[in-house]
Amino acid sequence: MINKLITLGETVELVESGKMLAIGGMTLYRRPVAFVVELLRRFRKTGEPKGLTLFAFTAGYESDLLVGAEIIERARSCYFGLEIFGLAPMFTYRANRGEIEIIEESEASLAFGLRAQMAGIGFMPGRGWLGTDLPKLRPDVRTVVDPYTGEELIAFPAIKPDVAVIHALRADKEGNAQIGKNKGVDEELALTADTVIITAEEIVSELEQADLIAPLVDAVVHTPGGAAPTSCHPLYALDGEAILTYTEQVSDPASWNAYVEGLHKI
């Protein structure tokens, strides 16, 4: 048995400048917030990592913290916001000023991109985006002709994250993990990323069933409450008051800095 348990401080060293960082979970559910806070702490001490590409099927609170720190150079997501709590303030601030590159994506382009990588091919064809202006915003997304029917299709390029961070309900020391029924694209991230990090609410000696399997996982960190203030059903609910506090307090770099200073004395 390979023991993959390491500390939170050690995990953030696995994220190098200029790489693509994929964040697991969905909207305000099961996001690796503790990892993000530790990454902010490292950045404030060393100036690394920087120039990251953020990949999040849906981006929320944790991603907005990274954008606020100016760690993120470009964002790839089909949604960036805080659901009923409104806009993600730092993403809105920096996007409106052209300080972050936004790569136009949709559910189709992200899903097909991951599927192409899983299949070991350069693109995955589909009908999504046909008849829209989205290809004009993404010159790297081309069309192909189905050799059997002659139909024109969109060729979504493969997406390969460098590091994926996924928060789990529980995991063992080898890296097998359970992530619950709302999986998002976490299984796909584990199959496509070069390095997979699991932050887990609980470390157990053995799992009867696993959503993510050990051979795909490079590191495991014990992080009780590691998704808070986002939810981690069924262990704990969304802390709506904490998210509302964030949206009320943060609107620009100065207010973001004041807010972040209070996060575990970062």
Protein backbone atom coordinates (compact mmCIF):
# COMPACT_ATOMS: atom_id res chain seq x y z
CA MET A 1 0.00 0.00 0.00
CA ILE A 2 1.34 3.43 -0.98
CA ASN A 3 0.67 6.11 1.63
CA LYS A 4 -0.11 9.32 -0.29
CA LEU A 5 -0.97 11.44 2.75
CA ILE A 6 0.81 14.79 2.74
CA THR A 7 0.20 18.19 4.33
CA LEU A 8 -1.81 21.02 2.86
CA GLY A 9 1.36 23.08 2.64
CA GLU A 10 3.01 20.38 0.58
CA THR A 11 0.10 20.14 -1.87
CA VAL A 12 0.27 23.78 -2.95
CA GLU A 13 3.92 23.26 -3.90
CA LEU A 14 2.61 20.97 -6.66
CA VAL A 15 1.04 23.94 -8.47
CA GLU A 16 3.60 25.65 -10.71
CA SER A 17 3.34 29.05 -12.37
CA GLY A 18 1.84 29.12 -15.85
CA LYS A 19 -0.04 25.83 -15.44
CA MET A 20 -3.74 24.95 -15.68
CA LEU A 21 -5.35 24.46 -12.27
CA ALA A 22 -8.67 22.60 -12.26
CA ILE A 23 -11.01 23.08 -9.30
CA GLY A 24 -13.44 20.28 -8.48
CA GLY A 25 -16.97 20.53 -7.11
CA MET A 26 -19.92 22.50 -8.46
CA THR A 27 -21.07 26.10 -7.85
CA LEU A 28 -21.24 26.35 -4.03
CA TYR A 29 -20.88 22.62 -3.34
CA ARG A 30 -17.80 20.65 -2.33
CA ARG A 31 -15.22 23.21 -3.35
CA PRO A 32 -11.61 22.80 -2.10
CA VAL A 33 -11.61 26.08 -0.17
CA ALA A 34 -8.95 25.07 2.38
CA PHE A 35 -6.56 24.30 -0.48
CA VAL A 36 -7.27 27.67 -2.10
CA VAL A 37 -6.61 29.53 1.16
CA GLU A 38 -3.31 27.69 1.56
CA LEU A 39 -2.41 28.56 -2.04
CA LEU A 40 -3.11 32.22 -1.27
CA ARG A 41 -0.87 31.97 1.77
CA ARG A 42 1.95 30.57 -0.35
CA PHE A 43 1.46 33.26 -3.00
CA ARG A 44 1.62 36.04 -0.42
CA LYS A 45 4.88 34.65 0.95
CA THR A 46 6.67 33.72 -2.26
CA GLY A 47 4.87 35.32 -5.23
CA GLU A 48 4.27 31.82 -6.62
CA PRO A 49 2.37 30.43 -8.39
CA LYS A 50 1.28 33.05 -10.90
CA GLY A 51 -0.08 33.21 -14.42
CA LEU A 52 -2.40 30.26 -13.86
CA THR A 53 -5.22 29.17 -16.12
CA LEU A 54 -8.27 28.39 -14.00
CA PHE A 55 -10.43 25.49 -15.17
CA ALA A 56 -13.75 25.11 -13.37
CA PHE A 57 -16.87 23.65 -14.92
CA THR A 58 -18.64 26.20 -12.74
CA ALA A 59 -16.56 28.70 -10.78
CA GLY A 60 -17.63 30.16 -7.44
CA TYR A 61 -16.36 31.50 -4.12
CA GLU A 62 -13.03 29.65 -4.13
CA SER A 63 -12.26 30.73 -7.70
CA ASP A 64 -13.12 34.34 -6.93
CA LEU A 65 -10.55 34.31 -4.12
CA LEU A 66 -7.89 33.23 -6.63
CA VAL A 67 -8.92 35.91 -9.14
CA GLY A 68 -8.75 38.51 -6.37
CA ALA A 69 -5.15 37.55 -5.66
CA GLU A 70 -4.23 38.04 -9.34
CA ILE A 71 -2.95 34.47 -9.45
CA ILE A 72 -5.26 33.71 -12.37
CA GLU A 73 -4.30 34.95 -15.83
CA ARG A 74 -7.19 33.34 -17.72
CA ALA A 75 -10.43 31.59 -16.82
CA ARG A 76 -12.19 28.67 -18.49
CA SER A 77 -15.68 28.11 -17.09
CA CYS A 78 -19.26 28.07 -18.33
CA TYR A 79 -20.43 29.96 -15.21
CA PHE A 80 -18.68 32.23 -12.72
CA GLY A 81 -20.85 33.45 -9.88
CA LEU A 82 -22.36 32.88 -6.44
CA GLU A 83 -25.84 31.62 -7.35
CA ILE A 84 -28.58 33.41 -5.35
CA PHE A 85 -25.92 35.53 -3.64
CA GLY A 86 -25.15 37.37 -6.87
CA LEU A 87 -22.08 38.06 -8.94
CA ALA A 88 -18.56 36.94 -8.04
CA PRO A 89 -17.19 40.39 -7.08
CA MET A 90 -13.50 40.05 -7.96
CA PHE A 91 -14.16 38.21 -11.23
CA THR A 92 -16.60 40.98 -12.15
CA TYR A 93 -14.10 43.66 -11.14
CA ARG A 94 -11.16 42.26 -13.08
CA ALA A 95 -13.18 41.08 -16.10
CA ASN A 96 -14.72 44.53 -16.55
CA ARG A 97 -11.23 46.04 -16.59
CA GLY A 98 -9.79 43.49 -18.97
CA GLU A 99 -7.36 42.28 -16.30
CA ILE A 100 -8.19 38.62 -16.82
CA GLU A 101 -8.52 36.70 -20.06
CA ILE A 102 -11.86 34.97 -20.41
CA ILE A 103 -11.89 31.97 -22.72
CA GLU A 104 -15.43 31.59 -23.98
CA GLU A 105 -16.80 28.21 -22.91
CA SER A 106 -20.07 26.35 -22.57
CA GLU A 107 -21.07 23.08 -20.96
CA ALA A 108 -20.53 21.43 -24.35
CA SER A 109 -17.05 22.80 -25.02
CA LEU A 110 -15.79 21.88 -21.55
CA ALA A 111 -17.36 18.43 -21.50
CA PHE A 112 -16.27 17.55 -25.04
CA GLY A 113 -12.78 18.88 -24.35
CA LEU A 114 -12.38 16.58 -21.35
CA ARG A 115 -13.86 13.65 -23.28
CA ALA A 116 -11.35 14.17 -26.08
CA GLN A 117 -8.50 14.07 -23.58
CA MET A 118 -9.94 10.93 -21.98
CA ALA A 119 -10.09 9.31 -25.42
CA GLY A 120 -6.50 10.29 -26.16
CA ILE A 121 -7.41 12.31 -29.24
CA GLY A 122 -6.96 15.96 -30.18
CA PHE A 123 -10.64 16.91 -30.41
CA MET A 124 -14.17 15.64 -29.91
CA PRO A 125 -16.82 16.47 -32.54
CA GLY A 126 -20.29 17.64 -31.63
CA ARG A 127 -23.21 19.80 -32.74
CA GLY A 128 -22.92 22.32 -29.91
CA TRP A 129 -22.18 25.90 -31.06
CA LEU A 130 -23.50 25.23 -34.59
CA GLY A 131 -25.55 28.23 -35.68
CA THR A 132 -24.08 30.51 -32.99
CA ASP A 133 -21.42 33.23 -32.97
CA LEU A 134 -19.31 31.40 -30.38
CA PRO A 135 -16.79 30.06 -32.96
CA LYS A 136 -15.98 33.68 -33.86
CA LEU A 137 -14.81 34.18 -30.26
CA ARG A 138 -12.75 30.99 -30.28
CA PRO A 139 -10.62 30.75 -33.46
CA ASP A 140 -8.99 27.63 -31.98
CA VAL A 141 -12.33 25.82 -32.22
CA ARG A 142 -12.68 24.59 -35.78
CA THR A 143 -15.14 22.53 -37.78
CA VAL A 144 -14.80 19.07 -39.30
CA VAL A 145 -16.89 17.12 -41.78
CA ASP A 146 -18.30 13.76 -40.78
CA PRO A 147 -16.77 11.39 -43.38
CA TYR A 148 -19.86 9.17 -43.28
CA THR A 149 -22.68 11.70 -43.50
CA GLY A 150 -21.01 14.85 -44.81
CA GLU A 151 -22.42 16.78 -41.85
CA GLU A 152 -20.37 19.72 -40.57
CA LEU A 153 -19.56 19.45 -36.87
CA ILE A 154 -17.74 21.52 -34.27
CA ALA A 155 -14.33 20.08 -33.29
CA PHE A 156 -13.84 20.90 -29.61
CA PRO A 157 -10.12 20.72 -28.73
CA ALA A 158 -8.93 18.42 -25.93
CA ILE A 159 -8.46 19.94 -22.48
CA LYS A 160 -5.69 18.63 -20.22
CA PRO A 161 -5.37 20.23 -16.77
CA ASP A 162 -1.94 20.17 -15.16
CA VAL A 163 -3.29 19.91 -11.60
CA ALA A 164 -6.78 19.01 -10.40
CA VAL A 165 -7.89 19.56 -6.79
CA ILE A 166 -10.98 17.65 -5.69
CA HIS A 167 -12.64 17.74 -2.28
CA ALA A 168 -13.96 14.38 -1.06
CA LEU A 169 -16.25 13.18 1.70
CA ARG A 170 -13.73 10.55 2.67
CA ALA A 171 -10.60 8.89 1.33
CA ASP A 172 -8.04 6.31 2.29
CA LYS A 173 -4.29 6.82 2.42
CA GLU A 174 -3.82 5.24 -1.02
CA GLY A 175 -6.04 7.81 -2.74
CA ASN A 176 -9.35 6.00 -3.20
CA ALA A 177 -12.08 8.55 -2.52
CA GLN A 178 -15.82 9.07 -2.26
CA ILE A 179 -17.21 12.37 -3.53
CA GLY A 180 -20.97 11.86 -3.20
CA LYS A 181 -23.73 11.82 -5.78
CA ASN A 182 -23.21 15.32 -7.20
CA LYS A 183 -19.97 14.52 -8.98
CA GLY A 184 -19.85 17.41 -11.42
CA VAL A 185 -16.94 16.61 -13.75
CA ASP A 186 -14.64 15.45 -10.95
CA GLU A 187 -14.33 11.92 -12.32
CA GLU A 188 -13.29 13.36 -15.67
CA LEU A 189 -10.77 15.67 -14.00
CA ALA A 190 -9.20 12.73 -12.21
CA LEU A 191 -8.83 10.92 -15.52
CA THR A 192 -7.34 13.84 -17.46
CA ALA A 193 -5.12 15.87 -15.09
CA ASP A 194 -1.39 15.22 -14.81
CA THR A 195 -1.52 15.62 -11.02
CA VAL A 196 -4.60 14.88 -8.89
CA ILE A 197 -4.90 16.12 -5.32
CA ILE A 198 -7.65 14.94 -2.98
CA THR A 199 -8.60 16.99 0.08
CA ALA A 200 -10.81 14.84 2.30
CA GLU A 201 -13.11 15.43 5.23
CA GLU A 202 -12.18 12.06 6.69
CA ILE A 203 -9.36 9.58 6.23
CA VAL A 204 -10.46 5.97 6.64
CA SER A 205 -8.54 2.71 6.64
CA GLU A 206 -10.64 1.19 3.85
CA LEU A 207 -13.46 2.13 1.49
CA GLU A 208 -16.12 -0.34 0.37
CA GLN A 209 -16.80 1.77 -2.73
CA ALA A 210 -14.83 4.52 -4.43
CA ASP A 211 -15.77 7.19 -6.97
CA LEU A 212 -12.11 8.02 -7.63
CA ILE A 213 -9.52 5.26 -7.56
CA ALA A 214 -6.02 5.29 -6.14
CA PRO A 215 -4.01 4.87 -9.39
CA LEU A 216 -5.36 8.24 -10.58
CA VAL A 217 -4.52 10.14 -7.38
CA ASP A 218 -1.13 11.61 -6.50
CA ALA A 219 -1.73 13.15 -3.06
CA VAL A 220 -4.27 13.04 -0.24
CA VAL A 221 -4.74 15.66 2.49
CA HIS A 222 -6.87 15.37 5.62
CA THR A 223 -8.90 18.62 5.67
CA PRO A 224 -11.97 18.48 7.95
CA GLY A 225 -14.30 21.31 7.01
CA GLY A 226 -12.14 21.90 3.95
CA ALA A 227 -15.05 22.92 1.72
CA ALA A 228 -16.54 25.52 4.08
CA PRO A 229 -18.22 27.93 3.63
CA THR A 230 -19.45 25.99 0.58
CA SER A 231 -21.48 22.90 1.37
CA CYS A 232 -20.33 19.32 1.68
CA HIS A 233 -23.58 17.34 1.71
CA PRO A 234 -24.46 15.35 3.72
CA LEU A 235 -21.76 16.36 6.22
CA TYR A 236 -22.53 20.09 6.42
CA ALA A 237 -24.62 22.68 4.65
CA LEU A 238 -23.75 25.84 2.78
CA ASP A 239 -22.92 28.73 5.10
CA GLY A 240 -25.09 31.29 3.37
CA GLU A 241 -24.28 33.98 5.91
CA ALA A 242 -20.55 33.63 5.19
CA ILE A 243 -21.07 33.86 1.41
CA LEU A 244 -23.35 36.87 1.88
CA THR A 245 -20.69 38.51 4.05
CA TYR A 246 -18.18 38.03 1.24
CA THR A 247 -20.44 39.65 -1.35
CA GLU A 248 -21.23 42.55 1.00
CA GLN A 249 -17.63 43.23 2.00
CA VAL A 250 -15.74 42.66 -1.25
CA SER A 251 -15.97 44.87 -4.32
CA ASP A 252 -12.39 45.85 -5.24
CA PRO A 253 -8.77 44.93 -4.42
CA ALA A 254 -8.68 46.95 -1.19
CA SER A 255 -11.81 45.35 0.25
CA TRP A 256 -10.67 41.93 -1.00
CA ASN A 257 -7.37 42.32 0.85
CA ALA A 258 -9.18 43.31 4.03
CA TYR A 259 -11.43 40.25 3.73
CA VAL A 260 -8.59 37.83 3.02
CA GLU A 261 -6.59 39.09 6.00
CA GLY A 262 -9.26 37.51 8.17
CA LEU A 263 -9.04 34.06 6.59
CA HIS A 264 -7.04 32.04 9.13
CA LYS A 265 -4.64 35.00 9.50
CA ILE A 266 -3.45 34.47 5.96
